[in-house]
Amino acid sequence: MTSNKLNNDEKQEELTKYRELVLATLDYYIDNKEMHIKTVDFDSAQHYQSLKIQTEEHYQKGRLTRLKQWFRDLTEMQVETVDLKFNLYLKEKTKFDIDIFKSYFQRVDKIIQKGKITTDNQFYDINIMVDQLCQTEPIDNSKIQILNKLLGEYEQRKSRQSKKPTA
């Protein structure tokens, strides 16, 4: 009988990996001056420093799920903007062979295989992919057509739902 649960050694490895990835991501934000926000009420550098402290706490308490979610949330902007430098930075800083775009591309491929967008998040992912494909040479017109068709069908379903009379 195989179990999906990680044994203690595997969990510790995953905890260490995600702690390092989250910390490296936070360092990337701290070091990237264009991403700094400083107002009377908020300083992004201080915020990222406090997140680093919380990351260590989550690591110490064995909160692997929380670290994985933080990593996904923190890297969302780089995935959306296809910041390839960031992926290289992570590999160099952590020495982990990681591809933050892999799960994004897998999500898009699943939607294409299913032939239907069913959630706003999927709609958002497909929209990003269309934007990216339109800016990448050579332009993959057939894939763009497929994705635009899925987007249009989803928008039509959403607009029909919003027009239904409420009881």
Protein backbone atom coordinates (compact mmCIF):
# COMPACT_ATOMS: atom_id res chain seq x y z
CA MET A 1 0.00 0.00 0.00
CA THR A 2 1.48 3.34 -1.05
CA SER A 3 0.70 6.53 0.73
CA ASN A 4 0.53 10.08 -0.59
CA LYS A 5 1.76 11.37 2.76
CA LEU A 6 5.38 12.40 2.90
CA ASN A 7 7.58 10.64 5.40
CA ASN A 8 9.39 12.86 7.91
CA ASP A 9 12.59 13.12 5.85
CA GLU A 10 10.67 13.99 2.68
CA LYS A 11 8.57 16.56 4.52
CA GLN A 12 11.70 18.14 6.01
CA GLU A 13 13.25 18.33 2.52
CA GLU A 14 10.09 19.95 1.14
CA LEU A 15 9.91 22.36 4.08
CA THR A 16 13.52 23.40 3.51
CA LYS A 17 12.98 23.74 -0.24
CA TYR A 18 9.91 25.95 0.10
CA ARG A 19 11.44 28.04 2.87
CA GLU A 20 14.42 28.71 0.59
CA LEU A 21 12.18 29.46 -2.39
CA VAL A 22 9.95 31.86 -0.43
CA LEU A 23 12.96 33.63 1.11
CA ALA A 24 14.64 33.95 -2.29
CA THR A 25 11.43 35.36 -3.76
CA LEU A 26 11.18 37.91 -0.96
CA ASP A 27 14.84 38.87 -1.50
CA TYR A 28 14.08 39.34 -5.20
CA TYR A 29 11.32 41.78 -4.29
CA ILE A 30 13.48 43.58 -1.74
CA ASP A 31 16.40 43.90 -4.17
CA ASN A 32 14.22 45.02 -7.09
CA LYS A 33 13.88 48.77 -6.52
CA GLU A 34 11.22 49.18 -9.24
CA MET A 35 8.91 47.02 -7.16
CA HIS A 36 9.20 49.11 -4.01
CA ILE A 37 6.13 50.85 -2.69
CA LYS A 38 6.48 53.38 0.08
CA THR A 39 3.62 55.47 1.39
CA VAL A 40 2.77 56.98 4.75
CA ASP A 41 0.99 53.75 5.71
CA PHE A 42 3.04 51.11 3.89
CA ASP A 43 6.64 50.23 3.09
CA SER A 44 7.02 47.18 0.87
CA ALA A 45 10.60 46.48 2.01
CA GLN A 46 9.48 46.35 5.66
CA HIS A 47 6.52 44.20 4.66
CA TYR A 48 8.77 41.71 2.84
CA GLN A 49 11.13 41.61 5.85
CA SER A 50 8.18 40.75 8.12
CA LEU A 51 7.14 38.02 5.68
CA LYS A 52 10.66 36.57 5.91
CA ILE A 53 10.23 36.31 9.70
CA GLN A 54 6.83 34.67 9.26
CA THR A 55 8.36 32.28 6.70
CA GLU A 56 10.86 31.11 9.31
CA GLU A 57 8.02 30.63 11.81
CA HIS A 58 6.05 28.53 9.31
CA TYR A 59 9.18 26.50 8.62
CA GLN A 60 9.83 25.90 12.32
CA LYS A 61 6.22 24.83 12.86
CA GLY A 62 6.26 22.48 9.85
CA ARG A 63 3.63 24.35 7.85
CA LEU A 64 4.49 23.00 4.42
CA THR A 65 1.09 23.76 2.88
CA ARG A 66 1.34 27.39 3.99
CA LEU A 67 4.85 27.77 2.52
CA LYS A 68 3.76 26.21 -0.78
CA GLN A 69 0.76 28.55 -0.97
CA TRP A 70 2.91 31.57 -0.15
CA PHE A 71 5.37 30.59 -2.87
CA ARG A 72 2.56 30.27 -5.40
CA ASP A 73 1.03 33.60 -4.35
CA LEU A 74 4.38 35.41 -4.29
CA THR A 75 5.41 34.16 -7.74
CA GLU A 76 2.06 34.81 -9.41
CA MET A 77 3.17 38.18 -10.78
CA GLN A 78 6.34 36.69 -12.31
CA VAL A 79 4.30 33.94 -13.95
CA GLU A 80 1.80 36.46 -15.31
CA THR A 81 4.51 38.73 -16.68
CA VAL A 82 6.61 35.73 -17.80
CA ASP A 83 9.60 37.09 -15.91
CA LEU A 84 12.17 34.55 -17.10
CA LYS A 85 14.95 36.36 -15.22
CA PHE A 86 13.15 35.54 -11.99
CA ASN A 87 13.10 31.82 -12.76
CA LEU A 88 16.86 31.94 -13.44
CA TYR A 89 17.38 33.95 -10.22
CA LEU A 90 15.57 31.28 -8.21
CA LYS A 91 17.67 28.50 -9.72
CA GLU A 92 20.91 30.35 -9.05
CA LYS A 93 20.00 31.49 -5.54
CA THR A 94 18.48 28.24 -4.24
CA LYS A 95 20.20 25.66 -6.46
CA PHE A 96 16.78 23.99 -6.90
CA ASP A 97 15.81 22.93 -10.39
CA ILE A 98 12.51 24.77 -10.42
CA ASP A 99 10.26 25.98 -13.19
CA ILE A 100 7.59 28.33 -11.86
CA PHE A 101 5.94 28.34 -15.28
CA LYS A 102 5.43 24.57 -15.40
CA SER A 103 2.19 24.45 -13.39
CA TYR A 104 0.85 27.46 -15.28
CA PHE A 105 1.47 25.77 -18.64
CA GLN A 106 -0.03 22.53 -17.28
CA ARG A 107 -3.18 24.40 -16.19
CA VAL A 108 -3.50 25.98 -19.64
CA ASP A 109 -2.98 22.62 -21.37
CA LYS A 110 -5.68 21.00 -19.21
CA ILE A 111 -8.15 23.73 -20.15
CA ILE A 112 -7.35 23.26 -23.85
CA GLN A 113 -7.76 19.47 -23.54
CA LYS A 114 -11.08 19.91 -21.74
CA GLY A 115 -12.15 22.36 -24.42
CA LYS A 116 -13.94 24.61 -21.96
CA ILE A 117 -13.16 27.36 -19.46
CA THR A 118 -15.21 26.83 -16.31
CA THR A 119 -13.88 29.39 -13.80
CA ASP A 120 -12.81 33.01 -13.73
CA ASN A 121 -9.28 31.89 -12.73
CA GLN A 122 -9.08 29.69 -15.83
CA PHE A 123 -10.35 32.61 -17.92
CA TYR A 124 -7.59 34.75 -16.42
CA ASP A 125 -4.91 32.11 -17.15
CA ILE A 126 -6.04 31.77 -20.78
CA ASN A 127 -6.15 35.55 -21.21
CA ILE A 128 -2.55 35.81 -20.01
CA MET A 129 -1.51 33.04 -22.39
CA VAL A 130 -3.13 34.80 -25.36
CA ASP A 131 -1.33 38.04 -24.47
CA GLN A 132 1.95 36.16 -24.17
CA LEU A 133 1.48 34.28 -27.46
CA CYS A 134 0.69 37.51 -29.30
CA GLN A 135 4.04 38.97 -28.15
CA THR A 136 6.19 35.90 -28.83
CA GLU A 137 7.87 35.21 -32.16
CA PRO A 138 6.92 33.22 -34.10
CA ILE A 139 3.25 33.90 -33.42
CA ASP A 140 1.27 30.68 -32.93
CA ASN A 141 -1.95 31.76 -34.66
CA SER A 142 -3.64 28.37 -34.39
CA LYS A 143 -3.19 28.23 -30.62
CA ILE A 144 -4.31 31.85 -30.28
CA GLN A 145 -7.46 31.00 -32.28
CA ILE A 146 -8.24 28.03 -30.02
CA LEU A 147 -7.72 30.08 -26.87
CA ASN A 148 -9.75 33.03 -28.17
CA LYS A 149 -12.61 30.63 -29.02
CA LEU A 150 -12.54 29.30 -25.42
CA LEU A 151 -12.49 32.86 -24.06
CA GLY A 152 -15.42 33.89 -26.26
CA GLU A 153 -17.51 30.86 -25.30
CA TYR A 154 -16.87 31.49 -21.61
CA GLU A 155 -17.82 35.16 -21.94
CA GLN A 156 -21.04 34.18 -23.74
CA ARG A 157 -21.98 31.71 -20.99
CA LYS A 158 -21.22 34.31 -18.32
CA SER A 159 -23.30 36.99 -20.03
CA ARG A 160 -26.25 34.59 -20.51
CA GLN A 161 -26.07 33.70 -16.80
CA SER A 162 -26.04 37.34 -15.76
CA LYS A 163 -29.10 38.06 -17.94
CA LYS A 164 -31.22 35.30 -16.39
CA PRO A 165 -34.09 36.75 -14.37
CA THR A 166 -33.84 36.22 -10.64
CA ALA A 167 -36.81 34.68 -8.88
